[in-house]
Amino acid sequence: MSIFLCRSRETKVLTTRAGRISPIAQEMFKTLQYYWNAARGYRLNPWKSPYLRWRFETFLGKEGANLTPSKFFHLAWKYRDHMERFVDWAAERRRFQRRRHA
């Protein structure tokens, strides 16, 4: 019974009164979806991913070079607003491509 109550509370946080997914949950899902696709093969250690390293170095320059786990998470948190805008753009492009090729 307690498991059911915990799950219902979690659902309330992620949905609105009308039963729709909240904007915060949508942003979180888009970010996780981008990460899942971008970190393929390096999901448990994204700082070693050649693609993510290239993204960080291209965007940040010298600050994004020689990534370590702590530096990766520090920069990801520091530039989270930029990442959110990029993820929104990537989701928009993905929707556009699906409409054109469907």
PDB file of N, CA and C in Angstrom:
ATOM      1  N   MET A   1       0.820  -1.190   0.000  1.00  0.00           N
ATOM      2  CA  MET A   1       0.000   0.000   0.000  1.00  0.00           C
ATOM      3  C   MET A   1       0.865   1.255   0.000  1.00  0.00           C
ATOM      4  N   SER A   2       1.979   1.253   0.726  1.00  0.00           N
ATOM      5  CA  SER A   2       2.831   2.437   0.758  1.00  0.00           C
ATOM      6  C   SER A   2       3.486   2.682  -0.601  1.00  0.00           C
ATOM      7  N   ILE A   3       3.787   1.612  -1.347  1.00  0.00           N
ATOM      8  CA  ILE A   3       4.368   1.782  -2.671  1.00  0.00           C
ATOM      9  C   ILE A   3       3.383   2.509  -3.579  1.00  0.00           C
ATOM     10  N   PHE A   4       2.116   2.134  -3.504  1.00  0.00           N
ATOM     11  CA  PHE A   4       1.102   2.786  -4.322  1.00  0.00           C
ATOM     12  C   PHE A   4       1.003   4.271  -3.979  1.00  0.00           C
ATOM     13  N   LEU A   5       1.053   4.599  -2.702  1.00  0.00           N
ATOM     14  CA  LEU A   5       0.953   5.997  -2.296  1.00  0.00           C
ATOM     15  C   LEU A   5       2.152   6.795  -2.800  1.00  0.00           C
ATOM     16  N   CYS A   6       3.351   6.214  -2.733  1.00  0.00           N
ATOM     17  CA  CYS A   6       4.537   6.920  -3.215  1.00  0.00           C
ATOM     18  C   CYS A   6       4.443   7.158  -4.711  1.00  0.00           C
ATOM     19  N   ARG A   7       4.003   6.160  -5.452  1.00  0.00           N
ATOM     20  CA  ARG A   7       3.894   6.324  -6.897  1.00  0.00           C
ATOM     21  C   ARG A   7       2.853   7.377  -7.253  1.00  0.00           C
ATOM     22  N   SER A   8       1.750   7.413  -6.520  1.00  0.00           N
ATOM     23  CA  SER A   8       0.730   8.408  -6.837  1.00  0.00           C
ATOM     24  C   SER A   8       1.240   9.808  -6.539  1.00  0.00           C
ATOM     25  N   ARG A   9       2.041   9.979  -5.513  1.00  0.00           N
ATOM     26  CA  ARG A   9       2.618  11.290  -5.219  1.00  0.00           C
ATOM     27  C   ARG A   9       3.583  11.715  -6.318  1.00  0.00           C
ATOM     28  N   GLU A  10       4.403  10.766  -6.799  1.00  0.00           N
ATOM     29  CA  GLU A  10       5.332  11.080  -7.877  1.00  0.00           C
ATOM     30  C   GLU A  10       4.575  11.482  -9.130  1.00  0.00           C
ATOM     31  N   THR A  11       3.488  10.803  -9.419  1.00  0.00           N
ATOM     32  CA  THR A  11       2.690  11.114 -10.593  1.00  0.00           C
ATOM     33  C   THR A  11       2.118  12.512 -10.495  1.00  0.00           C
ATOM     34  N   LYS A  12       1.691  12.899  -9.308  1.00  0.00           N
ATOM     35  CA  LYS A  12       1.126  14.230  -9.133  1.00  0.00           C
ATOM     36  C   LYS A  12       2.168  15.309  -9.406  1.00  0.00           C
ATOM     37  N   VAL A  13       3.406  15.057  -9.065  1.00  0.00           N
ATOM     38  CA  VAL A  13       4.460  16.033  -9.297  1.00  0.00           C
ATOM     39  C   VAL A  13       4.711  16.194 -10.794  1.00  0.00           C
ATOM     40  N   LEU A  14       4.613  15.106 -11.551  1.00  0.00           N
ATOM     41  CA  LEU A  14       4.937  15.137 -12.969  1.00  0.00           C
ATOM     42  C   LEU A  14       3.749  15.486 -13.863  1.00  0.00           C
ATOM     43  N   THR A  15       2.517  15.493 -13.306  1.00  0.00           N
ATOM     44  CA  THR A  15       1.352  15.819 -14.117  1.00  0.00           C
ATOM     45  C   THR A  15       0.615  17.017 -13.534  1.00  0.00           C
ATOM     46  N   THR A  16      -0.154  17.671 -14.380  1.00  0.00           N
ATOM     47  CA  THR A  16      -0.975  18.795 -13.932  1.00  0.00           C
ATOM     48  C   THR A  16      -2.351  18.265 -13.539  1.00  0.00           C
ATOM     49  N   ARG A  17      -3.220  19.148 -13.114  1.00  0.00           N
ATOM     50  CA  ARG A  17      -4.569  18.727 -12.714  1.00  0.00           C
ATOM     51  C   ARG A  17      -5.355  18.157 -13.879  1.00  0.00           C
ATOM     52  N   ALA A  18      -5.093  18.644 -15.073  1.00  0.00           N
ATOM     53  CA  ALA A  18      -5.798  18.140 -16.253  1.00  0.00           C
ATOM     54  C   ALA A  18      -5.249  16.792 -16.720  1.00  0.00           C
ATOM     55  N   GLY A  19      -4.238  16.278 -16.040  1.00  0.00           N
ATOM     56  CA  GLY A  19      -3.655  14.990 -16.400  1.00  0.00           C
ATOM     57  C   GLY A  19      -2.552  15.081 -17.429  1.00  0.00           C
ATOM     58  N   ARG A  20      -2.173  16.297 -17.806  1.00  0.00           N
ATOM     59  CA  ARG A  20      -1.092  16.477 -18.772  1.00  0.00           C
ATOM     60  C   ARG A  20       0.253  16.474 -18.067  1.00  0.00           C
ATOM     61  N   ILE A  21       1.296  16.206 -18.823  1.00  0.00           N
ATOM     62  CA  ILE A  21       2.650  16.212 -18.265  1.00  0.00           C
ATOM     63  C   ILE A  21       3.068  17.658 -18.037  1.00  0.00           C
ATOM     64  N   SER A  22       3.629  17.928 -16.874  1.00  0.00           N
ATOM     65  CA  SER A  22       4.028  19.291 -16.529  1.00  0.00           C
ATOM     66  C   SER A  22       5.205  19.740 -17.390  1.00  0.00           C
ATOM     67  N   PRO A  23       5.386  21.058 -17.557  1.00  0.00           N
ATOM     68  CA  PRO A  23       6.515  21.563 -18.351  1.00  0.00           C
ATOM     69  C   PRO A  23       7.870  21.126 -17.806  1.00  0.00           C
ATOM     70  N   ILE A  24       7.999  21.023 -16.500  1.00  0.00           N
ATOM     71  CA  ILE A  24       9.260  20.587 -15.908  1.00  0.00           C
ATOM     72  C   ILE A  24       9.563  19.145 -16.316  1.00  0.00           C
ATOM     73  N   ALA A  25       8.539  18.297 -16.271  1.00  0.00           N
ATOM     74  CA  ALA A  25       8.725  16.901 -16.662  1.00  0.00           C
ATOM     75  C   ALA A  25       9.047  16.791 -18.151  1.00  0.00           C
ATOM     76  N   GLN A  26       8.430  17.644 -18.979  1.00  0.00           N
ATOM     77  CA  GLN A  26       8.720  17.629 -20.405  1.00  0.00           C
ATOM     78  C   GLN A  26      10.174  18.000 -20.672  1.00  0.00           C
ATOM     79  N   GLU A  27      10.663  19.045 -20.001  1.00  0.00           N
ATOM     80  CA  GLU A  27      12.067  19.454 -20.165  1.00  0.00           C
ATOM     81  C   GLU A  27      13.005  18.344 -19.718  1.00  0.00           C
ATOM     82  N   MET A  28      12.682  17.726 -18.589  1.00  0.00           N
ATOM     83  CA  MET A  28      13.519  16.652 -18.073  1.00  0.00           C
ATOM     84  C   MET A  28      13.554  15.489 -19.070  1.00  0.00           C
ATOM     85  N   PHE A  29      12.407  15.154 -19.641  1.00  0.00           N
ATOM     86  CA  PHE A  29      12.351  14.056 -20.595  1.00  0.00           C
ATOM     87  C   PHE A  29      13.158  14.372 -21.853  1.00  0.00           C
ATOM     88  N   LYS A  30      13.042  15.600 -22.372  1.00  0.00           N
ATOM     89  CA  LYS A  30      13.800  15.989 -23.567  1.00  0.00           C
ATOM     90  C   LYS A  30      15.299  15.920 -23.312  1.00  0.00           C
ATOM     91  N   THR A  31      15.718  16.389 -22.133  1.00  0.00           N
ATOM     92  CA  THR A  31      17.137  16.368 -21.796  1.00  0.00           C
ATOM     93  C   THR A  31      17.642  14.934 -21.679  1.00  0.00           C
ATOM     94  N   LEU A  32      16.886  14.087 -21.002  1.00  0.00           N
ATOM     95  CA  LEU A  32      17.291  12.683 -20.872  1.00  0.00           C
ATOM     96  C   LEU A  32      17.299  11.972 -22.216  1.00  0.00           C
ATOM     97  N   GLN A  33      16.341  12.303 -23.066  1.00  0.00           N
ATOM     98  CA  GLN A  33      16.311  11.680 -24.393  1.00  0.00           C
ATOM     99  C   GLN A  33      17.536  12.083 -25.219  1.00  0.00           C
ATOM    100  N   TYR A  34      17.892  13.368 -25.169  1.00  0.00           N
ATOM    101  CA  TYR A  34      19.085  13.809 -25.901  1.00  0.00           C
ATOM    102  C   TYR A  34      20.332  13.128 -25.335  1.00  0.00           C
ATOM    103  N   TYR A  35      20.448  13.102 -24.016  1.00  0.00           N
ATOM    104  CA  TYR A  35      21.606  12.470 -23.390  1.00  0.00           C
ATOM    105  C   TYR A  35      21.697  10.997 -23.788  1.00  0.00           C
ATOM    106  N   TRP A  36      20.563  10.294 -23.765  1.00  0.00           N
ATOM    107  CA  TRP A  36      20.546   8.866 -24.080  1.00  0.00           C
ATOM    108  C   TRP A  36      21.059   8.624 -25.496  1.00  0.00           C
ATOM    109  N   ASN A  37      20.666   9.490 -26.421  1.00  0.00           N
ATOM    110  CA  ASN A  37      21.113   9.335 -27.803  1.00  0.00           C
ATOM    111  C   ASN A  37      22.569   9.770 -27.988  1.00  0.00           C
ATOM    112  N   ALA A  38      22.958  10.851 -27.346  1.00  0.00           N
ATOM    113  CA  ALA A  38      24.299  11.412 -27.544  1.00  0.00           C
ATOM    114  C   ALA A  38      25.388  10.594 -26.856  1.00  0.00           C
ATOM    115  N   ALA A  39      25.069   9.945 -25.769  1.00  0.00           N
ATOM    116  CA  ALA A  39      26.092   9.241 -24.984  1.00  0.00           C
ATOM    117  C   ALA A  39      26.114   7.743 -25.262  1.00  0.00           C
ATOM    118  N   ARG A  40      25.608   7.330 -26.403  1.00  0.00           N
ATOM    119  CA  ARG A  40      25.569   5.904 -26.730  1.00  0.00           C
ATOM    120  C   ARG A  40      26.963   5.294 -26.617  1.00  0.00           C
ATOM    121  N   GLY A  41      27.058   4.235 -25.844  1.00  0.00           N
ATOM    122  CA  GLY A  41      28.345   3.575 -25.625  1.00  0.00           C
ATOM    123  C   GLY A  41      29.113   4.139 -24.435  1.00  0.00           C
ATOM    124  N   TYR A  42      28.693   5.308 -23.954  1.00  0.00           N
ATOM    125  CA  TYR A  42      29.389   5.959 -22.837  1.00  0.00           C
ATOM    126  C   TYR A  42      28.376   6.459 -21.811  1.00  0.00           C
ATOM    127  N   ARG A  43      27.256   5.786 -21.664  1.00  0.00           N
ATOM    128  CA  ARG A  43      26.164   6.293 -20.826  1.00  0.00           C
ATOM    129  C   ARG A  43      26.528   6.360 -19.349  1.00  0.00           C
ATOM    130  N   LEU A  44      27.409   5.509 -18.890  1.00  0.00           N
ATOM    131  CA  LEU A  44      27.795   5.550 -17.474  1.00  0.00           C
ATOM    132  C   LEU A  44      29.007   6.440 -17.219  1.00  0.00           C
ATOM    133  N   ASN A  45      29.670   6.868 -18.257  1.00  0.00           N
ATOM    134  CA  ASN A  45      30.794   7.801 -18.130  1.00  0.00           C
ATOM    135  C   ASN A  45      30.800   8.759 -19.321  1.00  0.00           C
ATOM    136  N   PRO A  46      29.863   9.698 -19.348  1.00  0.00           N
ATOM    137  CA  PRO A  46      29.702  10.581 -20.513  1.00  0.00           C
ATOM    138  C   PRO A  46      30.900  11.483 -20.790  1.00  0.00           C
ATOM    139  N   TRP A  47      31.729  11.759 -19.811  1.00  0.00           N
ATOM    140  CA  TRP A  47      32.893  12.610 -20.026  1.00  0.00           C
ATOM    141  C   TRP A  47      33.914  11.948 -20.951  1.00  0.00           C
ATOM    142  N   LYS A  48      33.789  10.657 -21.213  1.00  0.00           N
ATOM    143  CA  LYS A  48      34.696   9.958 -22.121  1.00  0.00           C
ATOM    144  C   LYS A  48      34.130   9.854 -23.540  1.00  0.00           C
ATOM    145  N   SER A  49      32.883  10.262 -23.733  1.00  0.00           N
ATOM    146  CA  SER A  49      32.242  10.178 -25.040  1.00  0.00           C
ATOM    147  C   SER A  49      32.898  11.155 -26.013  1.00  0.00           C
ATOM    148  N   PRO A  50      33.389  10.673 -27.160  1.00  0.00           N
ATOM    149  CA  PRO A  50      34.001  11.585 -28.137  1.00  0.00           C
ATOM    150  C   PRO A  50      33.036  12.668 -28.610  1.00  0.00           C
ATOM    151  N   TYR A  51      31.761  12.311 -28.801  1.00  0.00           N
ATOM    152  CA  TYR A  51      30.788  13.296 -29.265  1.00  0.00           C
ATOM    153  C   TYR A  51      30.540  14.382 -28.214  1.00  0.00           C
ATOM    154  N   LEU A  52      30.320  13.978 -26.972  1.00  0.00           N
ATOM    155  CA  LEU A  52      30.065  14.972 -25.926  1.00  0.00           C
ATOM    156  C   LEU A  52      31.311  15.813 -25.647  1.00  0.00           C
ATOM    157  N   ARG A  53      32.487  15.200 -25.725  1.00  0.00           N
ATOM    158  CA  ARG A  53      33.723  15.974 -25.558  1.00  0.00           C
ATOM    159  C   ARG A  53      33.835  17.028 -26.660  1.00  0.00           C
ATOM    160  N   TRP A  54      33.524  16.625 -27.896  1.00  0.00           N
ATOM    161  CA  TRP A  54      33.560  17.555 -29.016  1.00  0.00           C
ATOM    162  C   TRP A  54      32.557  18.685 -28.806  1.00  0.00           C
ATOM    163  N   ARG A  55      31.348  18.340 -28.341  1.00  0.00           N
ATOM    164  CA  ARG A  55      30.329  19.360 -28.084  1.00  0.00           C
ATOM    165  C   ARG A  55      30.820  20.368 -27.047  1.00  0.00           C
ATOM    166  N   PHE A  56      31.362  19.871 -25.951  1.00  0.00           N
ATOM    167  CA  PHE A  56      31.852  20.758 -24.889  1.00  0.00           C
ATOM    168  C   PHE A  56      33.000  21.628 -25.395  1.00  0.00           C
ATOM    169  N   GLU A  57      33.951  21.034 -26.108  1.00  0.00           N
ATOM    170  CA  GLU A  57      35.095  21.800 -26.605  1.00  0.00           C
ATOM    171  C   GLU A  57      34.673  22.839 -27.629  1.00  0.00           C
ATOM    172  N   THR A  58      33.716  22.500 -28.488  1.00  0.00           N
ATOM    173  CA  THR A  58      33.234  23.451 -29.488  1.00  0.00           C
ATOM    174  C   THR A  58      32.522  24.619 -28.826  1.00  0.00           C
ATOM    175  N   PHE A  59      31.703  24.333 -27.833  1.00  0.00           N
ATOM    176  CA  PHE A  59      30.920  25.372 -27.182  1.00  0.00           C
ATOM    177  C   PHE A  59      31.742  26.205 -26.202  1.00  0.00           C
ATOM    178  N   LEU A  60      32.613  25.552 -25.436  1.00  0.00           N
ATOM    179  CA  LEU A  60      33.314  26.228 -24.347  1.00  0.00           C
ATOM    180  C   LEU A  60      34.764  26.571 -24.641  1.00  0.00           C
ATOM    181  N   GLY A  61      35.317  26.027 -25.687  1.00  0.00           N
ATOM    182  CA  GLY A  61      36.721  26.289 -25.986  1.00  0.00           C
ATOM    183  C   GLY A  61      37.638  25.581 -25.008  1.00  0.00           C
ATOM    184  N   LYS A  62      38.656  26.296 -24.521  1.00  0.00           N
ATOM    185  CA  LYS A  62      39.640  25.689 -23.616  1.00  0.00           C
ATOM    186  C   LYS A  62      39.012  25.199 -22.311  1.00  0.00           C
ATOM    187  N   GLU A  63      37.958  25.863 -21.886  1.00  0.00           N
ATOM    188  CA  GLU A  63      37.295  25.456 -20.637  1.00  0.00           C
ATOM    189  C   GLU A  63      36.716  24.041 -20.751  1.00  0.00           C
ATOM    190  N   GLY A  64      36.331  23.629 -21.955  1.00  0.00           N
ATOM    191  CA  GLY A  64      35.738  22.315 -22.160  1.00  0.00           C
ATOM    192  C   GLY A  64      36.742  21.225 -22.508  1.00  0.00           C
ATOM    193  N   ALA A  65      38.029  21.548 -22.550  1.00  0.00           N
ATOM    194  CA  ALA A  65      39.057  20.551 -22.883  1.00  0.00           C
ATOM    195  C   ALA A  65      39.431  19.745 -21.643  1.00  0.00           C
ATOM    196  N   ASN A  66      39.971  18.559 -21.865  1.00  0.00           N
ATOM    197  CA  ASN A  66      40.459  17.674 -20.784  1.00  0.00           C
ATOM    198  C   ASN A  66      39.400  17.448 -19.709  1.00  0.00           C
ATOM    199  N   LEU A  67      38.273  16.894 -20.122  1.00  0.00           N
ATOM    200  CA  LEU A  67      37.168  16.675 -19.187  1.00  0.00           C
ATOM    201  C   LEU A  67      37.469  15.543 -18.218  1.00  0.00           C
ATOM    202  N   THR A  68      37.186  15.790 -16.971  1.00  0.00           N
ATOM    203  CA  THR A  68      37.192  14.783 -15.917  1.00  0.00           C
ATOM    204  C   THR A  68      35.746  14.672 -15.442  1.00  0.00           C
ATOM    205  N   PRO A  69      35.423  13.653 -14.652  1.00  0.00           N
ATOM    206  CA  PRO A  69      34.037  13.554 -14.169  1.00  0.00           C
ATOM    207  C   PRO A  69      33.566  14.813 -13.431  1.00  0.00           C
ATOM    208  N   SER A  70      34.366  15.322 -12.526  1.00  0.00           N
ATOM    209  CA  SER A  70      33.945  16.497 -11.756  1.00  0.00           C
ATOM    210  C   SER A  70      33.827  17.735 -12.650  1.00  0.00           C
ATOM    211  N   LYS A  71      34.756  17.892 -13.587  1.00  0.00           N
ATOM    212  CA  LYS A  71      34.710  19.032 -14.495  1.00  0.00           C
ATOM    213  C   LYS A  71      33.501  18.932 -15.430  1.00  0.00           C
ATOM    214  N   PHE A  72      33.210  17.726 -15.899  1.00  0.00           N
ATOM    215  CA  PHE A  72      32.054  17.515 -16.765  1.00  0.00           C
ATOM    216  C   PHE A  72      30.764  17.935 -16.065  1.00  0.00           C
ATOM    217  N   PHE A  73      30.549  17.431 -14.843  1.00  0.00           N
ATOM    218  CA  PHE A  73      29.314  17.754 -14.131  1.00  0.00           C
ATOM    219  C   PHE A  73      29.270  19.222 -13.710  1.00  0.00           C
ATOM    220  N   HIS A  74      30.410  19.787 -13.367  1.00  0.00           N
ATOM    221  CA  HIS A  74      30.458  21.211 -13.018  1.00  0.00           C
ATOM    222  C   HIS A  74      30.046  22.061 -14.223  1.00  0.00           C
ATOM    223  N   LEU A  75      30.607  21.787 -15.392  1.00  0.00           N
ATOM    224  CA  LEU A  75      30.274  22.561 -16.583  1.00  0.00           C
ATOM    225  C   LEU A  75      28.838  22.311 -17.037  1.00  0.00           C
ATOM    226  N   ALA A  76      28.375  21.069 -16.926  1.00  0.00           N
ATOM    227  CA  ALA A  76      26.998  20.761 -17.302  1.00  0.00           C
ATOM    228  C   ALA A  76      26.020  21.541 -16.417  1.00  0.00           C
ATOM    229  N   TRP A  77      26.325  21.654 -15.139  1.00  0.00           N
ATOM    230  CA  TRP A  77      25.460  22.410 -14.228  1.00  0.00           C
ATOM    231  C   TRP A  77      25.587  23.915 -14.483  1.00  0.00           C
ATOM    232  N   LYS A  78      26.791  24.377 -14.710  1.00  0.00           N
ATOM    233  CA  LYS A  78      27.031  25.808 -14.916  1.00  0.00           C
ATOM    234  C   LYS A  78      26.306  26.313 -16.163  1.00  0.00           C
ATOM    235  N   TYR A  79      26.306  25.523 -17.219  1.00  0.00           N
ATOM    236  CA  TYR A  79      25.708  25.937 -18.484  1.00  0.00           C
ATOM    237  C   TYR A  79      24.387  25.218 -18.753  1.00  0.00           C
ATOM    238  N   ARG A  80      23.652  24.877 -17.723  1.00  0.00           N
ATOM    239  CA  ARG A  80      22.411  24.129 -17.890  1.00  0.00           C
ATOM    240  C   ARG A  80      21.352  24.916 -18.664  1.00  0.00           C
ATOM    241  N   ASP A  81      21.326  26.245 -18.538  1.00  0.00           N
ATOM    242  CA  ASP A  81      20.356  27.038 -19.299  1.00  0.00           C
ATOM    243  C   ASP A  81      20.644  26.966 -20.796  1.00  0.00           C
ATOM    244  N   HIS A  82      21.915  27.019 -21.152  1.00  0.00           N
ATOM    245  CA  HIS A  82      22.300  26.879 -22.559  1.00  0.00           C
ATOM    246  C   HIS A  82      21.942  25.480 -23.065  1.00  0.00           C
ATOM    247  N   MET A  83      22.180  24.490 -22.234  1.00  0.00           N
ATOM    248  CA  MET A  83      21.866  23.109 -22.602  1.00  0.00           C
ATOM    249  C   MET A  83      20.361  22.951 -22.817  1.00  0.00           C
ATOM    250  N   GLU A  84      19.577  23.583 -21.973  1.00  0.00           N
ATOM    251  CA  GLU A  84      18.121  23.489 -22.109  1.00  0.00           C
ATOM    252  C   GLU A  84      17.664  24.071 -23.447  1.00  0.00           C
ATOM    253  N   ARG A  85      18.214  25.214 -23.834  1.00  0.00           N
ATOM    254  CA  ARG A  85      17.860  25.808 -25.125  1.00  0.00           C
ATOM    255  C   ARG A  85      18.311  24.911 -26.287  1.00  0.00           C
ATOM    256  N   PHE A  86      19.493  24.323 -26.155  1.00  0.00           N
ATOM    257  CA  PHE A  86      19.983  23.426 -27.199  1.00  0.00           C
ATOM    258  C   PHE A  86      19.089  22.192 -27.313  1.00  0.00           C
ATOM    259  N   VAL A  87      18.700  21.634 -26.183  1.00  0.00           N
ATOM    260  CA  VAL A  87      17.845  20.447 -26.192  1.00  0.00           C
ATOM    261  C   VAL A  87      16.487  20.781 -26.801  1.00  0.00           C
ATOM    262  N   ASP A  88      15.955  21.965 -26.502  1.00  0.00           N
ATOM    263  CA  ASP A  88      14.693  22.389 -27.130  1.00  0.00           C
ATOM    264  C   ASP A  88      14.853  22.449 -28.645  1.00  0.00           C
ATOM    265  N   TRP A  89      15.963  23.017 -29.105  1.00  0.00           N
ATOM    266  CA  TRP A  89      16.229  23.102 -30.532  1.00  0.00           C
ATOM    267  C   TRP A  89      16.344  21.708 -31.147  1.00  0.00           C
ATOM    268  N   ALA A  90      17.072  20.819 -30.486  1.00  0.00           N
ATOM    269  CA  ALA A  90      17.253  19.457 -31.000  1.00  0.00           C
ATOM    270  C   ALA A  90      15.915  18.719 -31.060  1.00  0.00           C
ATOM    271  N   ALA A  91      15.058  18.905 -30.071  1.00  0.00           N
ATOM    272  CA  ALA A  91      13.737  18.264 -30.080  1.00  0.00           C
ATOM    273  C   ALA A  91      12.886  18.811 -31.213  1.00  0.00           C
ATOM    274  N   GLU A  92      12.980  20.117 -31.462  1.00  0.00           N
ATOM    275  CA  GLU A  92      12.240  20.723 -32.567  1.00  0.00           C
ATOM    276  C   GLU A  92      12.710  20.148 -33.904  1.00  0.00           C
ATOM    277  N   ARG A  93      14.016  20.022 -34.078  1.00  0.00           N
ATOM    278  CA  ARG A  93      14.564  19.454 -35.310  1.00  0.00           C
ATOM    279  C   ARG A  93      14.111  18.002 -35.485  1.00  0.00           C
ATOM    280  N   ARG A  94      14.101  17.238 -34.402  1.00  0.00           N
ATOM    281  CA  ARG A  94      13.682  15.832 -34.453  1.00  0.00           C
ATOM    282  C   ARG A  94      12.210  15.737 -34.881  1.00  0.00           C
ATOM    283  N   ARG A  95      11.354  16.623 -34.318  1.00  0.00           N
ATOM    284  CA  ARG A  95       9.940  16.630 -34.709  1.00  0.00           C
ATOM    285  C   ARG A  95       9.788  16.979 -36.190  1.00  0.00           C
ATOM    286  N   PHE A  96      10.536  17.960 -36.648  1.00  0.00           N
ATOM    287  CA  PHE A  96      10.483  18.376 -38.045  1.00  0.00           C
ATOM    288  C   PHE A  96      10.899  17.236 -38.969  1.00  0.00           C
ATOM    289  N   GLN A  97      11.965  16.540 -38.620  1.00  0.00           N
ATOM    290  CA  GLN A  97      12.447  15.438 -39.450  1.00  0.00           C
ATOM    291  C   GLN A  97      11.428  14.300 -39.487  1.00  0.00           C
ATOM    292  N   ARG A  98      10.792  14.014 -38.355  1.00  0.00           N
ATOM    293  CA  ARG A  98       9.789  12.950 -38.325  1.00  0.00           C
ATOM    294  C   ARG A  98       8.597  13.299 -39.196  1.00  0.00           C
ATOM    295  N   ARG A  99       8.191  14.569 -39.212  1.00  0.00           N
ATOM    296  CA  ARG A  99       7.063  14.986 -40.050  1.00  0.00           C
ATOM    297  C   ARG A  99       7.424  14.880 -41.525  1.00  0.00           C
ATOM    298  N   ARG A 100       8.636  15.249 -41.894  1.00  0.00           N
ATOM    299  CA  ARG A 100       9.037  15.215 -43.308  1.00  0.00           C
ATOM    300  C   ARG A 100       9.197  13.794 -43.822  1.00  0.00           C
ATOM    301  N   HIS A 101       9.656  12.894 -42.962  1.00  0.00           N
ATOM    302  CA  HIS A 101       9.943  11.519 -43.405  1.00  0.00           C
ATOM    303  C   HIS A 101       8.835  10.532 -43.077  1.00  0.00           C
ATOM    304  N   ALA A 102       7.759  11.013 -42.500  1.00  0.00           N
ATOM    305  CA  ALA A 102       6.662  10.095 -42.132  1.00  0.00           C
ATOM    306  C   ALA A 102       5.726   9.850 -43.287  1.00  0.00           C
TER     307      ALA A 102
END
